[in-house]
Amino acid sequence: MAKKTLATVIMEVLTANGSPMTAAEVHSAITKGNLFEFNSKDPVGIVRSALSRHSVENQHSCASKTKHFSQLPDGRFAKLK
């Protein structure tokens, strides 16, 4: 079976939670569920980067063309409908 991407795992976490979450909350849920293996000294930063890269608000050239999330004014992220 193919490994899931971090963006896919984040979408699953946000769907299961049913409400917007911070990057730290998403990371905590991923870790508790053993849903993704992080090989980084800053896994919350990796989650934050993935959320930002796939966020509709990020229109930078380095951003993903595929948008899955929206960043709310309070810093939490929500899954696009």
Protein backbone atom coordinates (compact mmCIF):
# COMPACT_ATOMS: atom_id res chain seq x y z
CA MET A 1 0.00 0.00 0.00
CA ALA A 2 1.28 3.47 -0.87
CA LYS A 3 2.15 5.85 1.92
CA LYS A 4 -0.19 8.76 2.48
CA THR A 5 1.09 12.28 2.04
CA LEU A 6 1.16 14.59 5.02
CA ALA A 7 -1.51 16.78 3.37
CA THR A 8 -3.80 13.74 3.09
CA VAL A 9 -3.24 12.82 6.73
CA ILE A 10 -3.95 16.41 7.79
CA MET A 11 -7.20 16.38 5.81
CA GLU A 12 -8.23 13.19 7.61
CA VAL A 13 -7.44 14.73 11.01
CA LEU A 14 -9.38 17.92 10.26
CA THR A 15 -12.33 15.88 8.97
CA ALA A 16 -12.36 13.66 12.06
CA ASN A 17 -12.09 16.67 14.38
CA GLY A 18 -14.91 18.52 12.63
CA SER A 19 -13.62 21.97 13.52
CA PRO A 20 -10.58 24.16 12.75
CA MET A 21 -7.30 23.32 14.46
CA THR A 22 -3.87 24.84 15.01
CA ALA A 23 -0.77 23.22 13.55
CA ALA A 24 0.18 22.02 17.05
CA GLU A 25 -3.24 20.43 17.54
CA VAL A 26 -3.03 18.72 14.16
CA HIS A 27 0.45 17.42 14.98
CA SER A 28 -0.76 16.13 18.34
CA ALA A 29 -3.64 14.23 16.71
CA ILE A 30 -1.30 12.77 14.08
CA THR A 31 1.16 11.64 16.74
CA LYS A 32 -1.53 10.16 19.00
CA GLY A 33 -2.97 8.19 16.10
CA ASN A 34 0.46 7.20 14.78
CA LEU A 35 -0.75 8.39 11.36
CA PHE A 36 2.52 9.73 9.94
CA GLU A 37 6.22 9.35 10.72
CA PHE A 38 8.10 12.61 11.12
CA ASN A 39 11.85 12.62 10.56
CA SER A 40 12.41 16.15 11.78
CA LYS A 41 13.49 18.01 14.88
CA ASP A 42 10.53 20.38 14.32
CA PRO A 43 7.53 18.25 13.31
CA VAL A 44 5.03 20.99 14.23
CA GLY A 45 6.87 23.25 11.79
CA ILE A 46 6.53 20.58 9.10
CA VAL A 47 2.77 20.41 9.74
CA ARG A 48 2.51 24.22 9.72
CA SER A 49 4.41 24.34 6.43
CA ALA A 50 2.16 21.71 4.82
CA LEU A 51 -0.94 23.57 6.01
CA SER A 52 0.38 26.86 4.64
CA ARG A 53 1.57 25.36 1.34
CA HIS A 54 -1.91 23.93 0.64
CA SER A 55 -3.84 26.94 1.97
CA VAL A 56 -5.96 29.09 -0.36
CA GLU A 57 -4.50 32.20 1.23
CA ASN A 58 -0.98 31.27 0.11
CA GLN A 59 -0.54 32.47 -3.46
CA HIS A 60 3.28 32.47 -3.49
CA SER A 61 5.06 30.74 -6.34
CA CYS A 62 6.31 28.03 -3.94
CA ALA A 63 2.76 27.20 -2.81
CA SER A 64 1.02 24.08 -4.01
CA LYS A 65 -1.44 24.51 -6.85
CA THR A 66 -3.72 22.04 -5.01
CA LYS A 67 -5.53 23.79 -2.17
CA HIS A 68 -7.05 21.80 0.70
CA PHE A 69 -7.11 24.25 3.62
CA SER A 70 -8.01 27.77 4.64
CA GLN A 71 -6.24 29.72 7.37
CA LEU A 72 -8.57 31.57 9.71
CA PRO A 73 -7.71 34.99 11.20
CA ASP A 74 -6.97 33.37 14.58
CA GLY A 75 -4.28 31.13 13.02
CA ARG A 76 -6.28 27.90 12.98
CA PHE A 77 -6.78 25.94 9.78
CA ALA A 78 -9.96 24.49 8.34
CA LYS A 79 -10.47 21.93 5.60
CA LEU A 80 -12.04 23.35 2.45
CA LYS A 81 -15.50 21.99 1.74
